[in-house]
């Protein structure tokens, strides 16, 4: 199945609170919703932009996927997740998102995210 839109864009950062404030101030975004995402070893924040999400990831586990990425690449663009209507073999993402990692392309990670009812109402 082909992706239908961009579901979310992730940036990996050292300090989540500072990053949230900077993105909110610079882009005029609504305050980020912050959650702990233990399966990825990170605190995560998200803010909605139109039909997509901007996600900030601050790893606290250096051996996690975002932790290793931050160590190798430094802060910045980390992952692009594309929305699909149907998806099998998923893992849990933040806030009940169902995601499937598909690999790295030109230094960025890509994944697919199954559209959820909550995403439609955004």
PDB file of N, CA and C in Angstrom:
ATOM      1  N   UNK A   1       0.843  -1.194   0.000  1.00  0.00           N
ATOM      2  CA  UNK A   1       0.000   0.000   0.000  1.00  0.00           C
ATOM      3  C   UNK A   1       0.880   1.246   0.000  1.00  0.00           C
ATOM      4  N   UNK A   2       0.535   2.204  -0.812  1.00  0.00           N
ATOM      5  CA  UNK A   2       1.301   3.442  -0.917  1.00  0.00           C
ATOM      6  C   UNK A   2       0.921   4.414   0.193  1.00  0.00           C
ATOM      7  N   UNK A   3       1.885   5.177   0.671  1.00  0.00           N
ATOM      8  CA  UNK A   3       1.584   6.205   1.675  1.00  0.00           C
ATOM      9  C   UNK A   3       0.660   7.270   1.098  1.00  0.00           C
ATOM     10  N   UNK A   4      -0.191   7.827   1.947  1.00  0.00           N
ATOM     11  CA  UNK A   4      -1.140   8.839   1.497  1.00  0.00           C
ATOM     12  C   UNK A   4      -0.772  10.250   1.943  1.00  0.00           C
ATOM     13  N   UNK A   5       0.090  10.370   2.961  1.00  0.00           N
ATOM     14  CA  UNK A   5       0.463  11.690   3.461  1.00  0.00           C
ATOM     15  C   UNK A   5       1.624  11.536   4.452  1.00  0.00           C
ATOM     16  N   UNK A   6       2.123  12.659   4.920  1.00  0.00           N
ATOM     17  CA  UNK A   6       3.126  12.640   5.984  1.00  0.00           C
ATOM     18  C   UNK A   6       2.373  12.589   7.308  1.00  0.00           C
ATOM     19  N   UNK A   7       2.631  11.558   8.088  1.00  0.00           N
ATOM     20  CA  UNK A   7       1.983  11.430   9.388  1.00  0.00           C
ATOM     21  C   UNK A   7       2.716  12.274  10.431  1.00  0.00           C
ATOM     22  N   UNK A   8       4.034  12.063  10.542  1.00  0.00           N
ATOM     23  CA  UNK A   8       4.811  12.885  11.466  1.00  0.00           C
ATOM     24  C   UNK A   8       6.273  12.956  11.049  1.00  0.00           C
ATOM     25  N   UNK A   9       6.908  14.040  11.494  1.00  0.00           N
ATOM     26  CA  UNK A   9       8.321  14.294  11.271  1.00  0.00           C
ATOM     27  C   UNK A   9       8.973  14.403  12.642  1.00  0.00           C
ATOM     28  N   UNK A  10      10.059  13.662  12.839  1.00  0.00           N
ATOM     29  CA  UNK A  10      10.756  13.650  14.131  1.00  0.00           C
ATOM     30  C   UNK A  10      12.089  14.381  14.051  1.00  0.00           C
ATOM     31  N   UNK A  11      12.377  15.118  15.113  1.00  0.00           N
ATOM     32  CA  UNK A  11      13.695  15.693  15.347  1.00  0.00           C
ATOM     33  C   UNK A  11      14.208  15.108  16.646  1.00  0.00           C
ATOM     34  N   UNK A  12      15.463  14.714  16.669  1.00  0.00           N
ATOM     35  CA  UNK A  12      16.071  14.208  17.889  1.00  0.00           C
ATOM     36  C   UNK A  12      16.834  15.368  18.537  1.00  0.00           C
ATOM     37  N   UNK A  13      16.676  15.511  19.856  1.00  0.00           N
ATOM     38  CA  UNK A  13      17.249  16.650  20.581  1.00  0.00           C
ATOM     39  C   UNK A  13      17.838  16.191  21.912  1.00  0.00           C
ATOM     40  N   UNK A  14      18.738  17.001  22.449  1.00  0.00           N
ATOM     41  CA  UNK A  14      19.297  16.707  23.774  1.00  0.00           C
ATOM     42  C   UNK A  14      18.336  17.121  24.887  1.00  0.00           C
ATOM     43  N   UNK A  15      17.779  18.330  24.780  1.00  0.00           N
ATOM     44  CA  UNK A  15      16.949  18.884  25.852  1.00  0.00           C
ATOM     45  C   UNK A  15      15.538  19.144  25.306  1.00  0.00           C
ATOM     46  N   UNK A  16      14.589  18.333  25.753  1.00  0.00           N
ATOM     47  CA  UNK A  16      13.229  18.410  25.220  1.00  0.00           C
ATOM     48  C   UNK A  16      12.546  19.730  25.559  1.00  0.00           C
ATOM     49  N   UNK A  17      12.698  20.210  26.777  1.00  0.00           N
ATOM     50  CA  UNK A  17      12.029  21.452  27.168  1.00  0.00           C
ATOM     51  C   UNK A  17      12.532  22.639  26.343  1.00  0.00           C
ATOM     52  N   UNK A  18      13.853  22.728  26.164  1.00  0.00           N
ATOM     53  CA  UNK A  18      14.415  23.810  25.351  1.00  0.00           C
ATOM     54  C   UNK A  18      13.958  23.707  23.901  1.00  0.00           C
ATOM     55  N   UNK A  19      13.939  22.490  23.368  1.00  0.00           N
ATOM     56  CA  UNK A  19      13.523  22.303  21.967  1.00  0.00           C
ATOM     57  C   UNK A  19      12.056  22.682  21.782  1.00  0.00           C
ATOM     58  N   UNK A  20      11.201  22.263  22.712  1.00  0.00           N
ATOM     59  CA  UNK A  20       9.773  22.620  22.617  1.00  0.00           C
ATOM     60  C   UNK A  20       9.608  24.133  22.594  1.00  0.00           C
ATOM     61  N   UNK A  21      10.267  24.819  23.520  1.00  0.00           N
ATOM     62  CA  UNK A  21      10.157  26.278  23.591  1.00  0.00           C
ATOM     63  C   UNK A  21      10.647  26.925  22.302  1.00  0.00           C
ATOM     64  N   UNK A  22      11.738  26.422  21.757  1.00  0.00           N
ATOM     65  CA  UNK A  22      12.292  27.015  20.535  1.00  0.00           C
ATOM     66  C   UNK A  22      11.358  26.826  19.345  1.00  0.00           C
ATOM     67  N   UNK A  23      10.813  25.613  19.169  1.00  0.00           N
ATOM     68  CA  UNK A  23       9.894  25.366  18.054  1.00  0.00           C
ATOM     69  C   UNK A  23       8.600  26.159  18.236  1.00  0.00           C
ATOM     70  N   UNK A  24       8.072  26.216  19.463  1.00  0.00           N
ATOM     71  CA  UNK A  24       6.838  26.966  19.716  1.00  0.00           C
ATOM     72  C   UNK A  24       7.029  28.440  19.392  1.00  0.00           C
ATOM     73  N   UNK A  25       8.142  29.005  19.864  1.00  0.00           N
ATOM     74  CA  UNK A  25       8.399  30.428  19.655  1.00  0.00           C
ATOM     75  C   UNK A  25       8.701  30.736  18.190  1.00  0.00           C
ATOM     76  N   UNK A  26       9.555  29.954  17.576  1.00  0.00           N
ATOM     77  CA  UNK A  26       9.984  30.220  16.200  1.00  0.00           C
ATOM     78  C   UNK A  26       8.871  30.008  15.193  1.00  0.00           C
ATOM     79  N   UNK A  27       8.083  28.935  15.374  1.00  0.00           N
ATOM     80  CA  UNK A  27       7.050  28.586  14.391  1.00  0.00           C
ATOM     81  C   UNK A  27       5.640  28.977  14.820  1.00  0.00           C
ATOM     82  N   UNK A  28       5.479  29.495  16.042  1.00  0.00           N
ATOM     83  CA  UNK A  28       4.160  29.877  16.516  1.00  0.00           C
ATOM     84  C   UNK A  28       3.250  28.686  16.756  1.00  0.00           C
ATOM     85  N   UNK A  29       3.829  27.562  17.188  1.00  0.00           N
ATOM     86  CA  UNK A  29       3.051  26.342  17.404  1.00  0.00           C
ATOM     87  C   UNK A  29       2.325  26.364  18.736  1.00  0.00           C
ATOM     88  N   UNK A  30       1.271  25.578  18.798  1.00  0.00           N
ATOM     89  CA  UNK A  30       0.594  25.336  20.068  1.00  0.00           C
ATOM     90  C   UNK A  30       1.562  24.579  20.970  1.00  0.00           C
ATOM     91  N   UNK A  31       1.365  24.638  22.297  1.00  0.00           N
ATOM     92  CA  UNK A  31       2.266  23.910  23.193  1.00  0.00           C
ATOM     93  C   UNK A  31       2.314  22.414  22.858  1.00  0.00           C
ATOM     94  N   UNK A  32       3.489  21.851  22.981  1.00  0.00           N
ATOM     95  CA  UNK A  32       3.691  20.430  22.724  1.00  0.00           C
ATOM     96  C   UNK A  32       3.075  19.590  23.830  1.00  0.00           C
ATOM     97  N   UNK A  33       2.572  18.444  23.463  1.00  0.00           N
ATOM     98  CA  UNK A  33       2.119  17.419  24.408  1.00  0.00           C
ATOM     99  C   UNK A  33       3.328  16.524  24.654  1.00  0.00           C
ATOM    100  N   UNK A  34       3.711  16.347  25.919  1.00  0.00           N
ATOM    101  CA  UNK A  34       4.917  15.593  26.259  1.00  0.00           C
ATOM    102  C   UNK A  34       4.547  14.294  26.958  1.00  0.00           C
ATOM    103  N   UNK A  35       5.175  13.194  26.522  1.00  0.00           N
ATOM    104  CA  UNK A  35       4.959  11.882  27.131  1.00  0.00           C
ATOM    105  C   UNK A  35       6.292  11.155  27.249  1.00  0.00           C
ATOM    106  N   UNK A  36       6.340  10.197  28.151  1.00  0.00           N
ATOM    107  CA  UNK A  36       7.479   9.304  28.244  1.00  0.00           C
ATOM    108  C   UNK A  36       7.181   8.107  27.345  1.00  0.00           C
ATOM    109  N   UNK A  37       8.132   7.722  26.524  1.00  0.00           N
ATOM    110  CA  UNK A  37       7.946   6.555  25.657  1.00  0.00           C
ATOM    111  C   UNK A  37       9.052   5.549  25.975  1.00  0.00           C
ATOM    112  N   UNK A  38       8.823   4.794  27.056  1.00  0.00           N
ATOM    113  CA  UNK A  38       9.823   3.844  27.551  1.00  0.00           C
ATOM    114  C   UNK A  38      10.284   2.836  26.497  1.00  0.00           C
ATOM    115  N   UNK A  39       9.406   2.330  25.613  1.00  0.00           N
ATOM    116  CA  UNK A  39       9.899   1.365  24.616  1.00  0.00           C
ATOM    117  C   UNK A  39      11.005   1.920  23.711  1.00  0.00           C
ATOM    118  N   UNK A  40      11.065   3.237  23.560  1.00  0.00           N
ATOM    119  CA  UNK A  40      12.114   3.849  22.743  1.00  0.00           C
ATOM    120  C   UNK A  40      13.166   4.546  23.608  1.00  0.00           C
ATOM    121  N   UNK A  41      13.007   4.468  24.933  1.00  0.00           N
ATOM    122  CA  UNK A  41      13.995   5.068  25.824  1.00  0.00           C
ATOM    123  C   UNK A  41      14.105   6.567  25.673  1.00  0.00           C
ATOM    124  N   UNK A  42      12.946   7.244  25.558  1.00  0.00           N
ATOM    125  CA  UNK A  42      12.975   8.680  25.290  1.00  0.00           C
ATOM    126  C   UNK A  42      11.744   9.384  25.843  1.00  0.00           C
ATOM    127  N   UNK A  43      11.930  10.668  26.138  1.00  0.00           N
ATOM    128  CA  UNK A  43      10.792  11.562  26.339  1.00  0.00           C
ATOM    129  C   UNK A  43      10.467  12.127  24.967  1.00  0.00           C
ATOM    130  N   UNK A  44       9.171  12.245  24.686  1.00  0.00           N
ATOM    131  CA  UNK A  44       8.725  12.623  23.352  1.00  0.00           C
ATOM    132  C   UNK A  44       7.676  13.723  23.466  1.00  0.00           C
ATOM    133  N   UNK A  45       7.732  14.681  22.549  1.00  0.00           N
ATOM    134  CA  UNK A  45       6.747  15.765  22.508  1.00  0.00           C
ATOM    135  C   UNK A  45       6.176  15.843  21.103  1.00  0.00           C
ATOM    136  N   UNK A  46       4.886  16.176  21.001  1.00  0.00           N
ATOM    137  CA  UNK A  46       4.280  16.322  19.678  1.00  0.00           C
ATOM    138  C   UNK A  46       3.380  17.549  19.644  1.00  0.00           C
ATOM    139  N   UNK A  47       3.323  18.160  18.448  1.00  0.00           N
ATOM    140  CA  UNK A  47       2.444  19.284  18.192  1.00  0.00           C
ATOM    141  C   UNK A  47       1.884  19.110  16.784  1.00  0.00           C
ATOM    142  N   UNK A  48       0.613  19.373  16.630  1.00  0.00           N
ATOM    143  CA  UNK A  48      -0.054  19.172  15.343  1.00  0.00           C
ATOM    144  C   UNK A  48       0.150  20.385  14.440  1.00  0.00           C
ATOM    145  N   UNK A  49       0.472  20.090  13.176  1.00  0.00           N
ATOM    146  CA  UNK A  49       0.570  21.119  12.141  1.00  0.00           C
ATOM    147  C   UNK A  49      -0.298  20.636  10.986  1.00  0.00           C
ATOM    148  N   UNK A  50      -1.474  21.212  10.833  1.00  0.00           N
ATOM    149  CA  UNK A  50      -2.401  20.754   9.798  1.00  0.00           C
ATOM    150  C   UNK A  50      -2.802  19.317  10.061  1.00  0.00           C
ATOM    151  N   UNK A  51      -2.573  18.445   9.084  1.00  0.00           N
ATOM    152  CA  UNK A  51      -2.911  17.030   9.224  1.00  0.00           C
ATOM    153  C   UNK A  51      -1.707  16.182   9.629  1.00  0.00           C
ATOM    154  N   UNK A  52      -0.610  16.824   9.971  1.00  0.00           N
ATOM    155  CA  UNK A  52       0.615  16.112  10.338  1.00  0.00           C
ATOM    156  C   UNK A  52       1.062  16.517  11.734  1.00  0.00           C
ATOM    157  N   UNK A  53       2.040  15.792  12.243  1.00  0.00           N
ATOM    158  CA  UNK A  53       2.570  16.048  13.575  1.00  0.00           C
ATOM    159  C   UNK A  53       4.057  16.376  13.484  1.00  0.00           C
ATOM    160  N   UNK A  54       4.502  17.285  14.322  1.00  0.00           N
ATOM    161  CA  UNK A  54       5.918  17.539  14.526  1.00  0.00           C
ATOM    162  C   UNK A  54       6.256  16.885  15.857  1.00  0.00           C
ATOM    163  N   UNK A  55       7.244  16.000  15.852  1.00  0.00           N
ATOM    164  CA  UNK A  55       7.595  15.226  17.043  1.00  0.00           C
ATOM    165  C   UNK A  55       9.043  15.499  17.403  1.00  0.00           C
ATOM    166  N   UNK A  56       9.281  15.770  18.684  1.00  0.00           N
ATOM    167  CA  UNK A  56      10.627  15.966  19.209  1.00  0.00           C
ATOM    168  C   UNK A  56      10.945  14.792  20.128  1.00  0.00           C
ATOM    169  N   UNK A  57      12.129  14.220  19.981  1.00  0.00           N
ATOM    170  CA  UNK A  57      12.519  13.023  20.727  1.00  0.00           C
ATOM    171  C   UNK A  57      13.804  13.316  21.488  1.00  0.00           C
ATOM    172  N   UNK A  58      13.775  13.165  22.809  1.00  0.00           N
ATOM    173  CA  UNK A  58      14.952  13.358  23.654  1.00  0.00           C
ATOM    174  C   UNK A  58      15.264  12.028  24.344  1.00  0.00           C
ATOM    175  N   UNK A  59      16.205  11.263  23.808  1.00  0.00           N
ATOM    176  CA  UNK A  59      16.500   9.949  24.376  1.00  0.00           C
ATOM    177  C   UNK A  59      17.179  10.045  25.741  1.00  0.00           C
ATOM    178  N   UNK A  60      16.777   9.164  26.654  1.00  0.00           N
ATOM    179  CA  UNK A  60      17.488   9.020  27.918  1.00  0.00           C
ATOM    180  C   UNK A  60      18.222   7.687  27.981  1.00  0.00           C
ATOM    181  N   UNK A  61      17.991   6.831  27.011  1.00  0.00           N
ATOM    182  CA  UNK A  61      18.701   5.565  26.889  1.00  0.00           C
ATOM    183  C   UNK A  61      19.651   5.676  25.696  1.00  0.00           C
ATOM    184  N   UNK A  62      20.949   5.759  25.982  1.00  0.00           N
ATOM    185  CA  UNK A  62      21.947   5.935  24.929  1.00  0.00           C
ATOM    186  C   UNK A  62      21.988   4.762  23.952  1.00  0.00           C
ATOM    187  N   UNK A  63      21.489   3.596  24.360  1.00  0.00           N
ATOM    188  CA  UNK A  63      21.502   2.416  23.496  1.00  0.00           C
ATOM    189  C   UNK A  63      20.215   2.248  22.686  1.00  0.00           C
ATOM    190  N   UNK A  64      19.244   3.127  22.884  1.00  0.00           N
ATOM    191  CA  UNK A  64      17.996   3.075  22.123  1.00  0.00           C
ATOM    192  C   UNK A  64      18.254   3.554  20.701  1.00  0.00           C
ATOM    193  N   UNK A  65      17.293   3.305  19.810  1.00  0.00           N
ATOM    194  CA  UNK A  65      17.435   3.772  18.425  1.00  0.00           C
ATOM    195  C   UNK A  65      17.652   5.283  18.381  1.00  0.00           C
ATOM    196  N   UNK A  66      16.815   6.098  19.047  1.00  0.00           N
ATOM    197  CA  UNK A  66      17.075   7.543  18.986  1.00  0.00           C
ATOM    198  C   UNK A  66      18.367   7.937  19.705  1.00  0.00           C
ATOM    199  N   UNK A  67      18.728   7.203  20.760  1.00  0.00           N
ATOM    200  CA  UNK A  67      19.975   7.498  21.463  1.00  0.00           C
ATOM    201  C   UNK A  67      21.195   7.266  20.591  1.00  0.00           C
ATOM    202  N   UNK A  68      21.218   6.154  19.884  1.00  0.00           N
ATOM    203  CA  UNK A  68      22.334   5.862  18.968  1.00  0.00           C
ATOM    204  C   UNK A  68      22.353   6.855  17.806  1.00  0.00           C
ATOM    205  N   UNK A  69      21.167   7.224  17.296  1.00  0.00           N
ATOM    206  CA  UNK A  69      21.091   8.181  16.205  1.00  0.00           C
ATOM    207  C   UNK A  69      21.643   9.539  16.648  1.00  0.00           C
ATOM    208  N   UNK A  70      21.247   9.980  17.836  1.00  0.00           N
ATOM    209  CA  UNK A  70      21.722  11.264  18.363  1.00  0.00           C
ATOM    210  C   UNK A  70      23.240  11.246  18.522  1.00  0.00           C
ATOM    211  N   UNK A  71      23.776  10.161  19.034  1.00  0.00           N
ATOM    212  CA  UNK A  71      25.229  10.046  19.211  1.00  0.00           C
ATOM    213  C   UNK A  71      25.952  10.108  17.866  1.00  0.00           C
ATOM    214  N   UNK A  72      25.425   9.458  16.856  1.00  0.00           N
ATOM    215  CA  UNK A  72      26.076   9.380  15.548  1.00  0.00           C
ATOM    216  C   UNK A  72      25.913  10.662  14.728  1.00  0.00           C
ATOM    217  N   UNK A  73      24.693  11.252  14.738  1.00  0.00           N
ATOM    218  CA  UNK A  73      24.379  12.368  13.840  1.00  0.00           C
ATOM    219  C   UNK A  73      24.244  13.716  14.532  1.00  0.00           C
ATOM    220  N   UNK A  74      24.081  13.742  15.841  1.00  0.00           N
ATOM    221  CA  UNK A  74      23.814  14.988  16.546  1.00  0.00           C
ATOM    222  C   UNK A  74      22.345  15.369  16.432  1.00  0.00           C
ATOM    223  N   UNK A  75      22.013  16.529  16.973  1.00  0.00           N
ATOM    224  CA  UNK A  75      20.623  16.982  16.959  1.00  0.00           C
ATOM    225  C   UNK A  75      20.172  17.324  15.545  1.00  0.00           C
ATOM    226  N   UNK A  76      18.877  17.113  15.299  1.00  0.00           N
ATOM    227  CA  UNK A  76      18.313  17.504  14.014  1.00  0.00           C
ATOM    228  C   UNK A  76      17.292  16.517  13.512  1.00  0.00           C
ATOM    229  N   UNK A  77      16.992  16.637  12.217  1.00  0.00           N
ATOM    230  CA  UNK A  77      16.004  15.764  11.580  1.00  0.00           C
ATOM    231  C   UNK A  77      16.400  14.314  11.796  1.00  0.00           C
ATOM    232  N   UNK A  78      15.416  13.496  12.163  1.00  0.00           N
ATOM    233  CA  UNK A  78      15.680  12.123  12.585  1.00  0.00           C
ATOM    234  C   UNK A  78      14.878  11.110  11.788  1.00  0.00           C
ATOM    235  N   UNK A  79      13.574  11.350  11.632  1.00  0.00           N
ATOM    236  CA  UNK A  79      12.705  10.317  11.086  1.00  0.00           C
ATOM    237  C   UNK A  79      11.505  10.938  10.391  1.00  0.00           C
ATOM    238  N   UNK A  80      11.127  10.334   9.272  1.00  0.00           N
ATOM    239  CA  UNK A  80       9.914  10.717   8.559  1.00  0.00           C
ATOM    240  C   UNK A  80       8.971   9.526   8.577  1.00  0.00           C
ATOM    241  N   UNK A  81       7.747   9.744   9.042  1.00  0.00           N
ATOM    242  CA  UNK A  81       6.751   8.683   9.081  1.00  0.00           C
ATOM    243  C   UNK A  81       5.619   9.013   8.125  1.00  0.00           C
ATOM    244  N   UNK A  82       5.343   8.071   7.237  1.00  0.00           N
ATOM    245  CA  UNK A  82       4.319   8.250   6.215  1.00  0.00           C
ATOM    246  C   UNK A  82       3.049   7.505   6.608  1.00  0.00           C
ATOM    247  N   UNK A  83       1.911   8.121   6.388  1.00  0.00           N
ATOM    248  CA  UNK A  83       0.626   7.544   6.770  1.00  0.00           C
ATOM    249  C   UNK A  83       0.138   6.542   5.733  1.00  0.00           C
ATOM    250  N   UNK A  84      -0.394   5.427   6.222  1.00  0.00           N
ATOM    251  CA  UNK A  84      -1.017   4.411   5.373  1.00  0.00           C
ATOM    252  C   UNK A  84      -2.347   4.010   6.010  1.00  0.00           C
ATOM    253  N   UNK A  85      -3.254   3.500   5.181  1.00  0.00           N
ATOM    254  CA  UNK A  85      -4.565   3.102   5.688  1.00  0.00           C
ATOM    255  C   UNK A  85      -4.531   1.759   6.412  1.00  0.00           C
ATOM    256  N   UNK A  86      -3.728   0.841   5.924  1.00  0.00           N
ATOM    257  CA  UNK A  86      -3.631  -0.494   6.514  1.00  0.00           C
ATOM    258  C   UNK A  86      -2.159  -0.826   6.729  1.00  0.00           C
ATOM    259  N   UNK A  87      -1.884  -1.541   7.828  1.00  0.00           N
ATOM    260  CA  UNK A  87      -0.502  -1.862   8.142  1.00  0.00           C
ATOM    261  C   UNK A  87      -0.459  -3.085   9.037  1.00  0.00           C
ATOM    262  N   UNK A  88       0.401  -4.037   8.687  1.00  0.00           N
ATOM    263  CA  UNK A  88       0.575  -5.253   9.492  1.00  0.00           C
ATOM    264  C   UNK A  88       1.954  -5.240  10.140  1.00  0.00           C
ATOM    265  N   UNK A  89       2.130  -6.103  11.133  1.00  0.00           N
ATOM    266  CA  UNK A  89       3.418  -6.264  11.817  1.00  0.00           C
ATOM    267  C   UNK A  89       3.918  -4.947  12.397  1.00  0.00           C
ATOM    268  N   UNK A  90       3.063  -4.265  13.140  1.00  0.00           N
ATOM    269  CA  UNK A  90       3.408  -2.972  13.713  1.00  0.00           C
ATOM    270  C   UNK A  90       3.968  -3.135  15.121  1.00  0.00           C
ATOM    271  N   UNK A  91       4.540  -2.051  15.608  1.00  0.00           N
ATOM    272  CA  UNK A  91       4.927  -1.941  17.011  1.00  0.00           C
ATOM    273  C   UNK A  91       4.248  -0.689  17.549  1.00  0.00           C
ATOM    274  N   UNK A  92       4.094  -0.593  18.871  1.00  0.00           N
ATOM    275  CA  UNK A  92       3.448   0.600  19.419  1.00  0.00           C
ATOM    276  C   UNK A  92       4.357   1.828  19.343  1.00  0.00           C
ATOM    277  N   UNK A  93       3.791   2.916  18.859  1.00  0.00           N
ATOM    278  CA  UNK A  93       4.463   4.206  18.881  1.00  0.00           C
ATOM    279  C   UNK A  93       3.886   5.024  20.022  1.00  0.00           C
ATOM    280  N   UNK A  94       4.153   6.311  20.024  1.00  0.00           N
ATOM    281  CA  UNK A  94       3.607   7.156  21.092  1.00  0.00           C
ATOM    282  C   UNK A  94       2.103   7.301  20.921  1.00  0.00           C
ATOM    283  N   UNK A  95       1.427   7.456  22.026  1.00  0.00           N
ATOM    284  CA  UNK A  95      -0.001   7.785  22.054  1.00  0.00           C
ATOM    285  C   UNK A  95      -0.836   6.912  21.123  1.00  0.00           C
ATOM    286  N   UNK A  96      -0.617   5.614  21.203  1.00  0.00           N
ATOM    287  CA  UNK A  96      -1.390   4.608  20.466  1.00  0.00           C
ATOM    288  C   UNK A  96      -1.165   4.589  18.962  1.00  0.00           C
ATOM    289  N   UNK A  97      -0.161   5.282  18.453  1.00  0.00           N
ATOM    290  CA  UNK A  97       0.163   5.158  17.039  1.00  0.00           C
ATOM    291  C   UNK A  97       0.726   3.770  16.803  1.00  0.00           C
ATOM    292  N   UNK A  98       0.346   3.139  15.715  1.00  0.00           N
ATOM    293  CA  UNK A  98       0.898   1.850  15.309  1.00  0.00           C
ATOM    294  C   UNK A  98       1.870   2.097  14.156  1.00  0.00           C
ATOM    295  N   UNK A  99       3.139   1.734  14.346  1.00  0.00           N
ATOM    296  CA  UNK A  99       4.175   2.074  13.377  1.00  0.00           C
ATOM    297  C   UNK A  99       4.948   0.837  12.939  1.00  0.00           C
ATOM    298  N   UNK A 100       5.574   0.972  11.782  1.00  0.00           N
ATOM    299  CA  UNK A 100       6.443  -0.084  11.253  1.00  0.00           C
ATOM    300  C   UNK A 100       7.686   0.586  10.671  1.00  0.00           C
ATOM    301  N   UNK A 101       8.838   0.246  11.220  1.00  0.00           N
ATOM    302  CA  UNK A 101      10.095   0.801  10.730  1.00  0.00           C
ATOM    303  C   UNK A 101      10.423   0.169   9.384  1.00  0.00           C
ATOM    304  N   UNK A 102      10.829   0.991   8.417  1.00  0.00           N
ATOM    305  CA  UNK A 102      11.138   0.458   7.087  1.00  0.00           C
ATOM    306  C   UNK A 102      12.589   0.664   6.674  1.00  0.00           C
ATOM    307  N   UNK A 103      13.357   1.442   7.401  1.00  0.00           N
ATOM    308  CA  UNK A 103      14.776   1.560   7.112  1.00  0.00           C
ATOM    309  C   UNK A 103      15.261   2.984   6.979  1.00  0.00           C
ATOM    310  N   UNK A 104      16.540   3.081   6.615  1.00  0.00           N
ATOM    311  CA  UNK A 104      17.207   4.369   6.474  1.00  0.00           C
ATOM    312  C   UNK A 104      17.396   4.692   5.001  1.00  0.00           C
ATOM    313  N   UNK A 105      17.115   5.943   4.635  1.00  0.00           N
ATOM    314  CA  UNK A 105      17.337   6.432   3.279  1.00  0.00           C
ATOM    315  C   UNK A 105      18.053   7.772   3.398  1.00  0.00           C
ATOM    316  N   UNK A 106      19.215   7.876   2.794  1.00  0.00           N
ATOM    317  CA  UNK A 106      20.010   9.100   2.813  1.00  0.00           C
ATOM    318  C   UNK A 106      20.187   9.675   4.224  1.00  0.00           C
ATOM    319  N   UNK A 107      20.459   8.821   5.183  1.00  0.00           N
ATOM    320  CA  UNK A 107      20.768   9.266   6.531  1.00  0.00           C
ATOM    321  C   UNK A 107      19.579   9.497   7.441  1.00  0.00           C
ATOM    322  N   UNK A 108      18.368   9.399   6.926  1.00  0.00           N
ATOM    323  CA  UNK A 108      17.169   9.583   7.743  1.00  0.00           C
ATOM    324  C   UNK A 108      16.426   8.255   7.863  1.00  0.00           C
ATOM    325  N   UNK A 109      15.816   8.040   9.019  1.00  0.00           N
ATOM    326  CA  UNK A 109      15.004   6.846   9.211  1.00  0.00           C
ATOM    327  C   UNK A 109      13.605   7.093   8.658  1.00  0.00           C
ATOM    328  N   UNK A 110      13.008   6.028   8.113  1.00  0.00           N
ATOM    329  CA  UNK A 110      11.641   6.090   7.601  1.00  0.00           C
ATOM    330  C   UNK A 110      10.807   5.017   8.269  1.00  0.00           C
ATOM    331  N   UNK A 111       9.534   5.338   8.461  1.00  0.00           N
ATOM    332  CA  UNK A 111       8.585   4.372   8.992  1.00  0.00           C
ATOM    333  C   UNK A 111       7.211   4.667   8.402  1.00  0.00           C
ATOM    334  N   UNK A 112       6.334   3.696   8.567  1.00  0.00           N
ATOM    335  CA  UNK A 112       4.934   3.857   8.176  1.00  0.00           C
ATOM    336  C   UNK A 112       4.112   3.911   9.448  1.00  0.00           C
ATOM    337  N   UNK A 113       3.054   4.687   9.439  1.00  0.00           N
ATOM    338  CA  UNK A 113       2.145   4.791  10.579  1.00  0.00           C
ATOM    339  C   UNK A 113       0.731   4.570  10.084  1.00  0.00           C
ATOM    340  N   UNK A 114       0.027   3.687  10.756  1.00  0.00           N
ATOM    341  CA  UNK A 114      -1.368   3.432  10.403  1.00  0.00           C
ATOM    342  C   UNK A 114      -2.212   4.609  10.881  1.00  0.00           C
ATOM    343  N   UNK A 115      -3.013   5.142   9.958  1.00  0.00           N
ATOM    344  CA  UNK A 115      -3.907   6.238  10.340  1.00  0.00           C
ATOM    345  C   UNK A 115      -4.877   5.732  11.419  1.00  0.00           C
ATOM    346  N   UNK A 116      -5.103   6.572  12.414  1.00  0.00           N
ATOM    347  CA  UNK A 116      -6.029   6.248  13.500  1.00  0.00           C
ATOM    348  C   UNK A 116      -7.179   7.232  13.481  1.00  0.00           C
ATOM    349  N   UNK A 117      -8.272   6.851  14.110  1.00  0.00           N
ATOM    350  CA  UNK A 117      -9.440   7.749  14.181  1.00  0.00           C
ATOM    351  C   UNK A 117      -9.064   9.095  14.774  1.00  0.00           C
ATOM    352  N   UNK A 118      -8.177   9.099  15.798  1.00  0.00           N
ATOM    353  CA  UNK A 118      -7.771  10.349  16.425  1.00  0.00           C
ATOM    354  C   UNK A 118      -7.019  11.242  15.450  1.00  0.00           C
ATOM    355  N   UNK A 119      -6.292  10.645  14.510  1.00  0.00           N
ATOM    356  CA  UNK A 119      -5.558  11.427  13.526  1.00  0.00           C
ATOM    357  C   UNK A 119      -6.482  12.102  12.541  1.00  0.00           C
ATOM    358  N   UNK A 120      -7.602  11.477  12.236  1.00  0.00           N
ATOM    359  CA  UNK A 120      -8.545  12.019  11.267  1.00  0.00           C
ATOM    360  C   UNK A 120      -9.184  13.299  11.781  1.00  0.00           C
ATOM    361  N   UNK A 121      -9.382  13.396  13.098  1.00  0.00           N
ATOM    362  CA  UNK A 121     -10.074  14.555  13.661  1.00  0.00           C
ATOM    363  C   UNK A 121      -9.143  15.717  13.913  1.00  0.00           C
ATOM    364  N   UNK A 122      -7.871  15.556  13.620  1.00  0.00           N
ATOM    365  CA  UNK A 122      -6.903  16.625  13.881  1.00  0.00           C
ATOM    366  C   UNK A 122      -7.081  17.744  12.903  1.00  0.00           C
TER     367      UNK A 122
END
